[in-house]
Amino acid sequence: MKPMHATVAVLTALSVWNDVMTPLVIMSGTAKNTLPLAQLNFQTQFGTNYNLAFASYLLALIPILIFYLICQKQILNGVVNGAVK
């Protein structure tokens, strides 16, 4: 059961971490933003500040990558156990 729970945890964390629409609707007009909403500040109608945008993408990637690396052993064990019958 651990591999299944680890896979579900990683996929759920990834979808919640990258959610843009729900915080955009709920928190519109507030000074506090989530990381995906803050990343929208680097894009304008006429251009994108790519240097700052890609730097913010890499910084936002670090926590979910660490979470995946922690759960990686359980996910790989589930794949291996499912492949061998």
PDB file of N, CA and C in Angstrom:
ATOM      1  N   MET A   1       0.815  -1.200   0.000  1.00  0.00           N
ATOM      2  CA  MET A   1       0.000   0.000   0.000  1.00  0.00           C
ATOM      3  C   MET A   1       0.859   1.265   0.000  1.00  0.00           C
ATOM      4  N   LYS A   2       2.103   1.185   0.487  1.00  0.00           N
ATOM      5  CA  LYS A   2       2.955   2.367   0.537  1.00  0.00           C
ATOM      6  C   LYS A   2       3.222   2.960  -0.845  1.00  0.00           C
ATOM      7  N   PRO A   3       3.523   2.136  -1.867  1.00  0.00           N
ATOM      8  CA  PRO A   3       3.775   2.724  -3.188  1.00  0.00           C
ATOM      9  C   PRO A   3       2.558   3.452  -3.753  1.00  0.00           C
ATOM     10  N   MET A   4       1.377   2.883  -3.541  1.00  0.00           N
ATOM     11  CA  MET A   4       0.163   3.521  -4.035  1.00  0.00           C
ATOM     12  C   MET A   4      -0.065   4.859  -3.330  1.00  0.00           C
ATOM     13  N   HIS A   5       0.115   4.882  -2.026  1.00  0.00           N
ATOM     14  CA  HIS A   5      -0.078   6.123  -1.277  1.00  0.00           C
ATOM     15  C   HIS A   5       0.973   7.167  -1.636  1.00  0.00           C
ATOM     16  N   ALA A   6       2.203   6.732  -1.881  1.00  0.00           N
ATOM     17  CA  ALA A   6       3.256   7.670  -2.278  1.00  0.00           C
ATOM     18  C   ALA A   6       2.958   8.276  -3.646  1.00  0.00           C
ATOM     19  N   THR A   7       2.491   7.459  -4.578  1.00  0.00           N
ATOM     20  CA  THR A   7       2.153   7.965  -5.911  1.00  0.00           C
ATOM     21  C   THR A   7       1.004   8.955  -5.836  1.00  0.00           C
ATOM     22  N   VAL A   8      -0.032   8.619  -5.101  1.00  0.00           N
ATOM     23  CA  VAL A   8      -1.173   9.531  -4.956  1.00  0.00           C
ATOM     24  C   VAL A   8      -0.748  10.815  -4.261  1.00  0.00           C
ATOM     25  N   ALA A   9       0.113  10.708  -3.263  1.00  0.00           N
ATOM     26  CA  ALA A   9       0.580  11.904  -2.552  1.00  0.00           C
ATOM     27  C   ALA A   9       1.378  12.815  -3.477  1.00  0.00           C
ATOM     28  N   VAL A  10       2.262  12.251  -4.291  1.00  0.00           N
ATOM     29  CA  VAL A  10       3.060  13.068  -5.202  1.00  0.00           C
ATOM     30  C   VAL A  10       2.167  13.737  -6.248  1.00  0.00           C
ATOM     31  N   LEU A  11       1.237  12.993  -6.841  1.00  0.00           N
ATOM     32  CA  LEU A  11       0.354  13.577  -7.863  1.00  0.00           C
ATOM     33  C   LEU A  11      -0.573  14.636  -7.279  1.00  0.00           C
ATOM     34  N   THR A  12      -1.077  14.406  -6.078  1.00  0.00           N
ATOM     35  CA  THR A  12      -1.942  15.399  -5.437  1.00  0.00           C
ATOM     36  C   THR A  12      -1.157  16.645  -5.062  1.00  0.00           C
ATOM     37  N   ALA A  13       0.034  16.462  -4.510  1.00  0.00           N
ATOM     38  CA  ALA A  13       0.867  17.616  -4.156  1.00  0.00           C
ATOM     39  C   ALA A  13       1.228  18.428  -5.393  1.00  0.00           C
ATOM     40  N   LEU A  14       1.527  17.755  -6.485  1.00  0.00           N
ATOM     41  CA  LEU A  14       1.864  18.446  -7.721  1.00  0.00           C
ATOM     42  C   LEU A  14       0.681  19.236  -8.267  1.00  0.00           C
ATOM     43  N   SER A  15      -0.506  18.664  -8.233  1.00  0.00           N
ATOM     44  CA  SER A  15      -1.668  19.390  -8.749  1.00  0.00           C
ATOM     45  C   SER A  15      -2.048  20.569  -7.850  1.00  0.00           C
ATOM     46  N   VAL A  16      -1.921  20.406  -6.543  1.00  0.00           N
ATOM     47  CA  VAL A  16      -2.231  21.505  -5.625  1.00  0.00           C
ATOM     48  C   VAL A  16      -1.166  22.598  -5.724  1.00  0.00           C
ATOM     49  N   TRP A  17       0.094  22.210  -5.853  1.00  0.00           N
ATOM     50  CA  TRP A  17       1.198  23.161  -5.925  1.00  0.00           C
ATOM     51  C   TRP A  17       1.093  24.039  -7.168  1.00  0.00           C
ATOM     52  N   ASN A  18       0.643  23.460  -8.285  1.00  0.00           N
ATOM     53  CA  ASN A  18       0.591  24.183  -9.551  1.00  0.00           C
ATOM     54  C   ASN A  18      -0.775  24.797  -9.842  1.00  0.00           C
ATOM     55  N   ASP A  19      -1.698  24.741  -8.903  1.00  0.00           N
ATOM     56  CA  ASP A  19      -3.033  25.276  -9.130  1.00  0.00           C
ATOM     57  C   ASP A  19      -2.988  26.793  -9.246  1.00  0.00           C
ATOM     58  N   VAL A  20      -3.561  27.319 -10.325  1.00  0.00           N
ATOM     59  CA  VAL A  20      -3.579  28.763 -10.549  1.00  0.00           C
ATOM     60  C   VAL A  20      -4.998  29.311 -10.421  1.00  0.00           C
ATOM     61  N   MET A  21      -5.964  28.604 -10.967  1.00  0.00           N
ATOM     62  CA  MET A  21      -7.311  29.156 -11.068  1.00  0.00           C
ATOM     63  C   MET A  21      -7.996  29.346  -9.714  1.00  0.00           C
ATOM     64  N   THR A  22      -7.917  28.370  -8.831  1.00  0.00           N
ATOM     65  CA  THR A  22      -8.588  28.490  -7.535  1.00  0.00           C
ATOM     66  C   THR A  22      -8.041  29.654  -6.706  1.00  0.00           C
ATOM     67  N   PRO A  23      -6.722  29.791  -6.532  1.00  0.00           N
ATOM     68  CA  PRO A  23      -6.237  30.961  -5.791  1.00  0.00           C
ATOM     69  C   PRO A  23      -6.520  32.275  -6.505  1.00  0.00           C
ATOM     70  N   LEU A  24      -6.553  32.254  -7.837  1.00  0.00           N
ATOM     71  CA  LEU A  24      -6.843  33.471  -8.581  1.00  0.00           C
ATOM     72  C   LEU A  24      -8.256  33.959  -8.295  1.00  0.00           C
ATOM     73  N   VAL A  25      -9.198  33.038  -8.196  1.00  0.00           N
ATOM     74  CA  VAL A  25     -10.588  33.408  -7.917  1.00  0.00           C
ATOM     75  C   VAL A  25     -10.774  33.769  -6.446  1.00  0.00           C
ATOM     76  N   ILE A  26     -10.215  32.972  -5.551  1.00  0.00           N
ATOM     77  CA  ILE A  26     -10.444  33.167  -4.122  1.00  0.00           C
ATOM     78  C   ILE A  26      -9.676  34.367  -3.578  1.00  0.00           C
ATOM     79  N   MET A  27      -8.430  34.550  -4.018  1.00  0.00           N
ATOM     80  CA  MET A  27      -7.568  35.558  -3.419  1.00  0.00           C
ATOM     81  C   MET A  27      -7.387  36.795  -4.301  1.00  0.00           C
ATOM     82  N   SER A  28      -8.310  37.041  -5.206  1.00  0.00           N
ATOM     83  CA  SER A  28      -8.126  38.185  -6.094  1.00  0.00           C
ATOM     84  C   SER A  28      -8.159  39.492  -5.308  1.00  0.00           C
ATOM     85  N   GLY A  29      -7.179  40.332  -5.574  1.00  0.00           N
ATOM     86  CA  GLY A  29      -7.123  41.630  -4.943  1.00  0.00           C
ATOM     87  C   GLY A  29      -6.365  41.679  -3.631  1.00  0.00           C
ATOM     88  N   THR A  30      -5.877  40.549  -3.146  1.00  0.00           N
ATOM     89  CA  THR A  30      -5.115  40.568  -1.902  1.00  0.00           C
ATOM     90  C   THR A  30      -3.632  40.736  -2.204  1.00  0.00           C
ATOM     91  N   ALA A  31      -2.892  41.144  -1.215  1.00  0.00           N
ATOM     92  CA  ALA A  31      -1.449  41.363  -1.393  1.00  0.00           C
ATOM     93  C   ALA A  31      -0.671  40.058  -1.337  1.00  0.00           C
ATOM     94  N   LYS A  32      -1.256  39.023  -0.742  1.00  0.00           N
ATOM     95  CA  LYS A  32      -0.570  37.735  -0.635  1.00  0.00           C
ATOM     96  C   LYS A  32      -0.968  36.848  -1.813  1.00  0.00           C
ATOM     97  N   ASN A  33       0.032  36.238  -2.447  1.00  0.00           N
ATOM     98  CA  ASN A  33      -0.208  35.370  -3.584  1.00  0.00           C
ATOM     99  C   ASN A  33       0.497  34.044  -3.392  1.00  0.00           C
ATOM    100  N   THR A  34       0.006  33.036  -4.096  1.00  0.00           N
ATOM    101  CA  THR A  34       0.721  31.770  -4.159  1.00  0.00           C
ATOM    102  C   THR A  34       1.826  31.901  -5.201  1.00  0.00           C
ATOM    103  N   LEU A  35       2.732  30.927  -5.259  1.00  0.00           N
ATOM    104  CA  LEU A  35       3.833  31.002  -6.217  1.00  0.00           C
ATOM    105  C   LEU A  35       3.368  31.049  -7.673  1.00  0.00           C
ATOM    106  N   PRO A  36       2.413  30.220  -8.105  1.00  0.00           N
ATOM    107  CA  PRO A  36       1.971  30.338  -9.498  1.00  0.00           C
ATOM    108  C   PRO A  36       1.358  31.703  -9.825  1.00  0.00           C
ATOM    109  N   LEU A  37       0.672  32.310  -8.869  1.00  0.00           N
ATOM    110  CA  LEU A  37       0.114  33.644  -9.115  1.00  0.00           C
ATOM    111  C   LEU A  37       1.209  34.696  -9.167  1.00  0.00           C
ATOM    112  N   ALA A  38       2.221  34.543  -8.342  1.00  0.00           N
ATOM    113  CA  ALA A  38       3.333  35.490  -8.378  1.00  0.00           C
ATOM    114  C   ALA A  38       4.111  35.380  -9.684  1.00  0.00           C
ATOM    115  N   GLN A  39       4.147  34.199 -10.270  1.00  0.00           N
ATOM    116  CA  GLN A  39       4.836  34.016 -11.533  1.00  0.00           C
ATOM    117  C   GLN A  39       4.115  34.706 -12.686  1.00  0.00           C
ATOM    118  N   LEU A  40       2.843  34.942 -12.534  1.00  0.00           N
ATOM    119  CA  LEU A  40       2.105  35.661 -13.574  1.00  0.00           C
ATOM    120  C   LEU A  40       2.530  37.120 -13.683  1.00  0.00           C
ATOM    121  N   ASN A  41       3.174  37.656 -12.645  1.00  0.00           N
ATOM    122  CA  ASN A  41       3.620  39.046 -12.673  1.00  0.00           C
ATOM    123  C   ASN A  41       4.714  39.286 -13.701  1.00  0.00           C
ATOM    124  N   PHE A  42       5.412  38.233 -14.116  1.00  0.00           N
ATOM    125  CA  PHE A  42       6.500  38.386 -15.075  1.00  0.00           C
ATOM    126  C   PHE A  42       6.014  38.390 -16.523  1.00  0.00           C
ATOM    127  N   GLN A  43       4.726  38.163 -16.724  1.00  0.00           N
ATOM    128  CA  GLN A  43       4.158  38.161 -18.066  1.00  0.00           C
ATOM    129  C   GLN A  43       3.209  39.343 -18.210  1.00  0.00           C
ATOM    130  N   THR A  44       3.425  40.108 -19.275  1.00  0.00           N
ATOM    131  CA  THR A  44       2.548  41.230 -19.559  1.00  0.00           C
ATOM    132  C   THR A  44       1.915  41.012 -20.920  1.00  0.00           C
ATOM    133  N   GLN A  45       1.092  41.951 -21.315  1.00  0.00           N
ATOM    134  CA  GLN A  45       0.412  41.849 -22.606  1.00  0.00           C
ATOM    135  C   GLN A  45       1.410  41.929 -23.752  1.00  0.00           C
ATOM    136  N   PHE A  46       2.469  42.678 -23.581  1.00  0.00           N
ATOM    137  CA  PHE A  46       3.386  42.933 -24.686  1.00  0.00           C
ATOM    138  C   PHE A  46       4.722  42.205 -24.573  1.00  0.00           C
ATOM    139  N   GLY A  47       4.949  41.475 -23.510  1.00  0.00           N
ATOM    140  CA  GLY A  47       6.231  40.781 -23.387  1.00  0.00           C
ATOM    141  C   GLY A  47       6.343  40.015 -22.098  1.00  0.00           C
ATOM    142  N   THR A  48       7.457  39.319 -21.985  1.00  0.00           N
ATOM    143  CA  THR A  48       7.745  38.516 -20.803  1.00  0.00           C
ATOM    144  C   THR A  48       9.172  38.757 -20.368  1.00  0.00           C
ATOM    145  N   ASN A  49       9.375  38.919 -19.086  1.00  0.00           N
ATOM    146  CA  ASN A  49      10.716  39.051 -18.533  1.00  0.00           C
ATOM    147  C   ASN A  49      11.233  37.637 -18.265  1.00  0.00           C
ATOM    148  N   TYR A  50      11.886  37.056 -19.266  1.00  0.00           N
ATOM    149  CA  TYR A  50      12.270  35.653 -19.202  1.00  0.00           C
ATOM    150  C   TYR A  50      13.284  35.349 -18.116  1.00  0.00           C
ATOM    151  N   ASN A  51      14.201  36.243 -17.850  1.00  0.00           N
ATOM    152  CA  ASN A  51      15.202  35.988 -16.815  1.00  0.00           C
ATOM    153  C   ASN A  51      14.550  35.761 -15.455  1.00  0.00           C
ATOM    154  N   LEU A  52      13.688  36.663 -15.055  1.00  0.00           N
ATOM    155  CA  LEU A  52      13.020  36.530 -13.758  1.00  0.00           C
ATOM    156  C   LEU A  52      11.990  35.405 -13.764  1.00  0.00           C
ATOM    157  N   ALA A  53      11.319  35.204 -14.894  1.00  0.00           N
ATOM    158  CA  ALA A  53      10.308  34.158 -14.978  1.00  0.00           C
ATOM    159  C   ALA A  53      10.931  32.781 -14.798  1.00  0.00           C
ATOM    160  N   PHE A  54      12.011  32.496 -15.514  1.00  0.00           N
ATOM    161  CA  PHE A  54      12.630  31.182 -15.391  1.00  0.00           C
ATOM    162  C   PHE A  54      13.300  30.988 -14.032  1.00  0.00           C
ATOM    163  N   ALA A  55      13.817  32.041 -13.450  1.00  0.00           N
ATOM    164  CA  ALA A  55      14.376  31.932 -12.100  1.00  0.00           C
ATOM    165  C   ALA A  55      13.268  31.581 -11.097  1.00  0.00           C
ATOM    166  N   SER A  56      12.106  32.184 -11.240  1.00  0.00           N
ATOM    167  CA  SER A  56      11.005  31.869 -10.327  1.00  0.00           C
ATOM    168  C   SER A  56      10.471  30.467 -10.570  1.00  0.00           C
ATOM    169  N   TYR A  57      10.503  29.983 -11.829  1.00  0.00           N
ATOM    170  CA  TYR A  57      10.067  28.616 -12.112  1.00  0.00           C
ATOM    171  C   TYR A  57      10.984  27.608 -11.427  1.00  0.00           C
ATOM    172  N   LEU A  58      12.284  27.864 -11.478  1.00  0.00           N
ATOM    173  CA  LEU A  58      13.232  26.950 -10.837  1.00  0.00           C
ATOM    174  C   LEU A  58      13.082  26.957  -9.318  1.00  0.00           C
ATOM    175  N   LEU A  59      12.855  28.121  -8.741  1.00  0.00           N
ATOM    176  CA  LEU A  59      12.664  28.192  -7.291  1.00  0.00           C
ATOM    177  C   LEU A  59      11.363  27.523  -6.860  1.00  0.00           C
ATOM    178  N   ALA A  60      10.330  27.601  -7.692  1.00  0.00           N
ATOM    179  CA  ALA A  60       9.065  26.957  -7.363  1.00  0.00           C
ATOM    180  C   ALA A  60       9.149  25.446  -7.545  1.00  0.00           C
ATOM    181  N   LEU A  61      10.089  24.985  -8.354  1.00  0.00           N
ATOM    182  CA  LEU A  61      10.250  23.565  -8.616  1.00  0.00           C
ATOM    183  C   LEU A  61      10.933  22.839  -7.455  1.00  0.00           C
ATOM    184  N   ILE A  62      11.750  23.517  -6.705  1.00  0.00           N
ATOM    185  CA  ILE A  62      12.586  22.878  -5.676  1.00  0.00           C
ATOM    186  C   ILE A  62      11.774  22.134  -4.601  1.00  0.00           C
ATOM    187  N   PRO A  63      10.740  22.720  -3.986  1.00  0.00           N
ATOM    188  CA  PRO A  63      10.032  21.971  -2.925  1.00  0.00           C
ATOM    189  C   PRO A  63       9.342  20.706  -3.430  1.00  0.00           C
ATOM    190  N   ILE A  64       8.698  20.770  -4.603  1.00  0.00           N
ATOM    191  CA  ILE A  64       8.003  19.579  -5.103  1.00  0.00           C
ATOM    192  C   ILE A  64       9.003  18.531  -5.561  1.00  0.00           C
ATOM    193  N   LEU A  65      10.176  18.944  -6.026  1.00  0.00           N
ATOM    194  CA  LEU A  65      11.221  18.003  -6.408  1.00  0.00           C
ATOM    195  C   LEU A  65      11.771  17.285  -5.182  1.00  0.00           C
ATOM    196  N   ILE A  66      11.966  17.998  -4.099  1.00  0.00           N
ATOM    197  CA  ILE A  66      12.421  17.377  -2.850  1.00  0.00           C
ATOM    198  C   ILE A  66      11.382  16.385  -2.333  1.00  0.00           C
ATOM    199  N   PHE A  67      10.109  16.750  -2.425  1.00  0.00           N
ATOM    200  CA  PHE A  67       9.038  15.849  -1.997  1.00  0.00           C
ATOM    201  C   PHE A  67       9.030  14.581  -2.837  1.00  0.00           C
ATOM    202  N   TYR A  68       9.230  14.716  -4.152  1.00  0.00           N
ATOM    203  CA  TYR A  68       9.286  13.541  -5.023  1.00  0.00           C
ATOM    204  C   TYR A  68      10.495  12.672  -4.687  1.00  0.00           C
ATOM    205  N   LEU A  69      11.639  13.283  -4.449  1.00  0.00           N
ATOM    206  CA  LEU A  69      12.833  12.504  -4.135  1.00  0.00           C
ATOM    207  C   LEU A  69      12.668  11.712  -2.840  1.00  0.00           C
ATOM    208  N   ILE A  70      11.922  12.251  -1.899  1.00  0.00           N
ATOM    209  CA  ILE A  70      11.654  11.536  -0.649  1.00  0.00           C
ATOM    210  C   ILE A  70      10.751  10.330  -0.913  1.00  0.00           C
ATOM    211  N   CYS A  71       9.769  10.471  -1.787  1.00  0.00           N
ATOM    212  CA  CYS A  71       8.816   9.396  -2.075  1.00  0.00           C
ATOM    213  C   CYS A  71       9.263   8.495  -3.225  1.00  0.00           C
ATOM    214  N   GLN A  72      10.391   8.760  -3.836  1.00  0.00           N
ATOM    215  CA  GLN A  72      10.828   8.027  -5.018  1.00  0.00           C
ATOM    216  C   GLN A  72      11.019   6.536  -4.740  1.00  0.00           C
ATOM    217  N   LYS A  73      11.538   6.180  -3.606  1.00  0.00           N
ATOM    218  CA  LYS A  73      11.797   4.778  -3.291  1.00  0.00           C
ATOM    219  C   LYS A  73      10.495   3.980  -3.283  1.00  0.00           C
ATOM    220  N   GLN A  74       9.449   4.516  -2.661  1.00  0.00           N
ATOM    221  CA  GLN A  74       8.179   3.812  -2.611  1.00  0.00           C
ATOM    222  C   GLN A  74       7.548   3.706  -4.006  1.00  0.00           C
ATOM    223  N   ILE A  75       7.679   4.749  -4.820  1.00  0.00           N
ATOM    224  CA  ILE A  75       7.097   4.713  -6.158  1.00  0.00           C
ATOM    225  C   ILE A  75       7.797   3.670  -7.020  1.00  0.00           C
ATOM    226  N   LEU A  76       9.110   3.645  -6.987  1.00  0.00           N
ATOM    227  CA  LEU A  76       9.854   2.655  -7.770  1.00  0.00           C
ATOM    228  C   LEU A  76       9.598   1.241  -7.282  1.00  0.00           C
ATOM    229  N   ASN A  77       9.455   1.040  -5.973  1.00  0.00           N
ATOM    230  CA  ASN A  77       9.110  -0.289  -5.461  1.00  0.00           C
ATOM    231  C   ASN A  77       7.748  -0.735  -5.978  1.00  0.00           C
ATOM    232  N   GLY A  78       6.811   0.161  -6.074  1.00  0.00           N
ATOM    233  CA  GLY A  78       5.490  -0.177  -6.603  1.00  0.00           C
ATOM    234  C   GLY A  78       5.542  -0.539  -8.075  1.00  0.00           C
ATOM    235  N   VAL A  79       6.365   0.158  -8.837  1.00  0.00           N
ATOM    236  CA  VAL A  79       6.510  -0.162 -10.260  1.00  0.00           C
ATOM    237  C   VAL A  79       7.144  -1.537 -10.428  1.00  0.00           C
ATOM    238  N   VAL A  80       8.187  -1.798  -9.666  1.00  0.00           N
ATOM    239  CA  VAL A  80       8.877  -3.083  -9.766  1.00  0.00           C
ATOM    240  C   VAL A  80       7.969  -4.223  -9.322  1.00  0.00           C
ATOM    241  N   ASN A  81       7.255  -4.042  -8.224  1.00  0.00           N
ATOM    242  CA  ASN A  81       6.348  -5.098  -7.745  1.00  0.00           C
ATOM    243  C   ASN A  81       5.199  -5.350  -8.712  1.00  0.00           C
ATOM    244  N   GLY A  82       4.749  -4.328  -9.384  1.00  0.00           N
ATOM    245  CA  GLY A  82       3.671  -4.488 -10.350  1.00  0.00           C
ATOM    246  C   GLY A  82       4.125  -5.135 -11.645  1.00  0.00           C
ATOM    247  N   ALA A  83       5.405  -5.024 -11.973  1.00  0.00           N
ATOM    248  CA  ALA A  83       5.913  -5.574 -13.221  1.00  0.00           C
ATOM    249  C   ALA A  83       6.260  -7.053 -13.098  1.00  0.00           C
ATOM    250  N   VAL A  84       6.591  -7.490 -11.895  1.00  0.00           N
ATOM    251  CA  VAL A  84       6.985  -8.884 -11.679  1.00  0.00           C
ATOM    252  C   VAL A  84       5.788  -9.635 -11.123  1.00  0.00           C
ATOM    253  N   LYS A  85       5.431 -10.706 -11.823  1.00  0.00           N
ATOM    254  CA  LYS A  85       4.295 -11.516 -11.333  1.00  0.00           C
ATOM    255  C   LYS A  85       4.710 -12.926 -11.091  1.00  0.00           C
TER     256      LYS A  85
END
